[in-house]
Amino acid sequence: AVEEEEWAWEGARGRLEAGGVAVPAEFVCPITMEIMADPVVLTDGHVYERRAIERWLRGHATSPKTNRAVDPGRLVPCHPLRAIIADFLARHAPLLGEGAEGAGGEGGGW
């Protein structure tokens, strides 16, 4: 489940960077500053972690990046980015610890 993935991936950025791996900025949610498990595109054209932007939109009708009005009902899954992130995490599984070997599958997590 995506909710489990988000928590499983929490802290992955710090572990990777501590191991000398640069995490591409495009993999990082601008709200949580963590690697995204379920990236979605908002009508502002930016990509966010689904749970983070859904929380943001409960209290705002604007983009957290541009402060312009957005359509909170139009979150589009970004499947290609999700697959690229999963592949990146799978390639760096040894730095991520126990359970990381399973990253990369569609229902995946680690």
Protein backbone atom coordinates (compact mmCIF):
# COMPACT_ATOMS: atom_id res chain seq x y z
CA ALA A 1 0.00 0.00 0.00
CA VAL A 2 1.16 3.53 -0.70
CA GLU A 3 0.70 4.62 2.90
CA GLU A 4 3.12 1.91 4.01
CA GLU A 5 5.57 2.88 1.26
CA GLU A 6 5.65 6.49 2.34
CA TRP A 7 6.59 5.52 5.89
CA ALA A 8 9.05 2.90 4.64
CA TRP A 9 10.78 5.52 2.48
CA GLU A 10 10.90 8.13 5.22
CA GLY A 11 14.53 8.82 6.00
CA ALA A 12 15.80 7.15 2.81
CA ARG A 13 17.17 10.43 1.50
CA GLY A 14 19.31 10.94 4.59
CA ARG A 15 20.61 7.37 4.53
CA LEU A 16 21.53 7.63 0.84
CA GLU A 17 23.22 11.00 1.21
CA ALA A 18 25.12 9.77 4.28
CA GLY A 19 26.38 6.93 2.07
CA GLY A 20 27.63 9.39 -0.54
CA VAL A 21 24.72 9.00 -3.00
CA ALA A 22 23.30 12.22 -4.44
CA VAL A 23 19.50 12.06 -4.55
CA PRO A 24 18.12 13.86 -7.62
CA ALA A 25 16.04 16.89 -6.63
CA GLU A 26 13.23 15.64 -8.89
CA PHE A 27 12.78 12.63 -6.56
CA VAL A 28 12.19 14.84 -3.50
CA CYS A 29 8.80 16.24 -2.48
CA PRO A 30 9.04 20.01 -1.95
CA ILE A 31 6.75 19.70 1.08
CA THR A 32 8.28 16.77 2.98
CA MET A 33 11.82 17.05 1.56
CA GLU A 34 11.81 13.23 1.40
CA ILE A 35 11.96 10.86 -1.56
CA MET A 36 8.45 10.42 -2.99
CA ALA A 37 6.68 7.06 -2.83
CA ASP A 38 3.53 8.15 -4.69
CA PRO A 39 4.34 11.22 -6.82
CA VAL A 40 1.42 13.17 -8.27
CA VAL A 41 1.23 16.26 -10.48
CA LEU A 42 -0.91 19.17 -9.28
CA THR A 43 -2.44 21.70 -11.65
CA ASP A 44 0.50 24.03 -10.88
CA GLY A 45 2.65 21.61 -12.91
CA HIS A 46 4.77 20.58 -9.92
CA VAL A 47 5.15 17.07 -8.50
CA TYR A 48 4.42 16.27 -4.86
CA GLU A 49 4.08 13.24 -2.59
CA ARG A 50 0.36 12.39 -2.69
CA ARG A 51 -0.23 12.32 1.06
CA ALA A 52 1.69 15.56 1.61
CA ILE A 53 -0.18 17.55 -1.06
CA GLU A 54 -3.52 16.11 0.04
CA ARG A 55 -2.80 17.36 3.59
CA TRP A 56 -1.73 20.75 2.20
CA LEU A 57 -4.90 21.07 0.12
CA ARG A 58 -7.15 20.43 3.12
CA GLY A 59 -6.20 23.88 4.37
CA HIS A 60 -5.22 25.73 1.18
CA ALA A 61 -6.57 26.35 -2.31
CA THR A 62 -3.18 27.44 -3.59
CA SER A 63 0.06 25.84 -4.72
CA PRO A 64 2.69 25.49 -2.01
CA LYS A 65 5.34 26.35 -4.62
CA THR A 66 3.72 29.23 -6.55
CA ASN A 67 0.96 30.42 -4.18
CA ARG A 68 -1.39 30.51 -7.19
CA ALA A 69 -4.87 28.99 -7.19
CA VAL A 70 -5.02 25.27 -8.06
CA ASP A 71 -7.70 22.66 -8.69
CA PRO A 72 -7.41 20.43 -5.61
CA GLY A 73 -9.49 17.71 -7.28
CA ARG A 74 -6.97 17.14 -10.08
CA LEU A 75 -4.03 15.13 -8.82
CA VAL A 76 -2.54 13.08 -11.64
CA PRO A 77 -0.36 10.07 -10.74
CA CYS A 78 3.14 10.36 -12.13
CA HIS A 79 3.79 6.68 -12.91
CA PRO A 80 7.01 7.19 -14.89
CA LEU A 81 8.64 9.13 -12.04
CA ARG A 82 7.44 6.56 -9.51
CA ALA A 83 9.09 3.78 -11.56
CA ILE A 84 12.34 5.74 -11.93
CA ILE A 85 12.46 6.40 -8.17
CA ALA A 86 11.78 2.73 -7.41
CA ASP A 87 14.63 1.71 -9.75
CA PHE A 88 16.97 4.23 -8.13
CA LEU A 89 16.12 2.90 -4.67
CA ALA A 90 16.56 -0.71 -5.78
CA ARG A 91 20.02 0.11 -7.15
CA HIS A 92 21.02 1.61 -3.80
CA ALA A 93 19.27 -0.98 -1.60
CA PRO A 94 22.43 -1.89 0.40
CA LEU A 95 22.53 1.64 1.83
CA LEU A 96 18.88 1.51 2.80
CA GLY A 97 19.06 -1.44 5.14
CA GLU A 98 16.85 -4.42 5.75
CA GLY A 99 14.01 -5.00 3.32
CA ALA A 100 15.34 -2.62 0.68
CA GLU A 101 15.95 -5.38 -1.85
CA GLY A 102 12.27 -5.47 -2.85
CA ALA A 103 12.12 -1.88 -4.12
CA GLY A 104 11.03 -1.41 -7.67
CA GLY A 105 7.80 -3.33 -7.91
CA GLU A 106 4.50 -1.67 -8.73
CA GLY A 107 3.01 -2.47 -5.33
CA GLY A 108 6.40 -2.34 -3.95
CA GLY A 109 7.90 -0.42 -1.15
CA TRP A 110 11.22 -2.02 -0.40
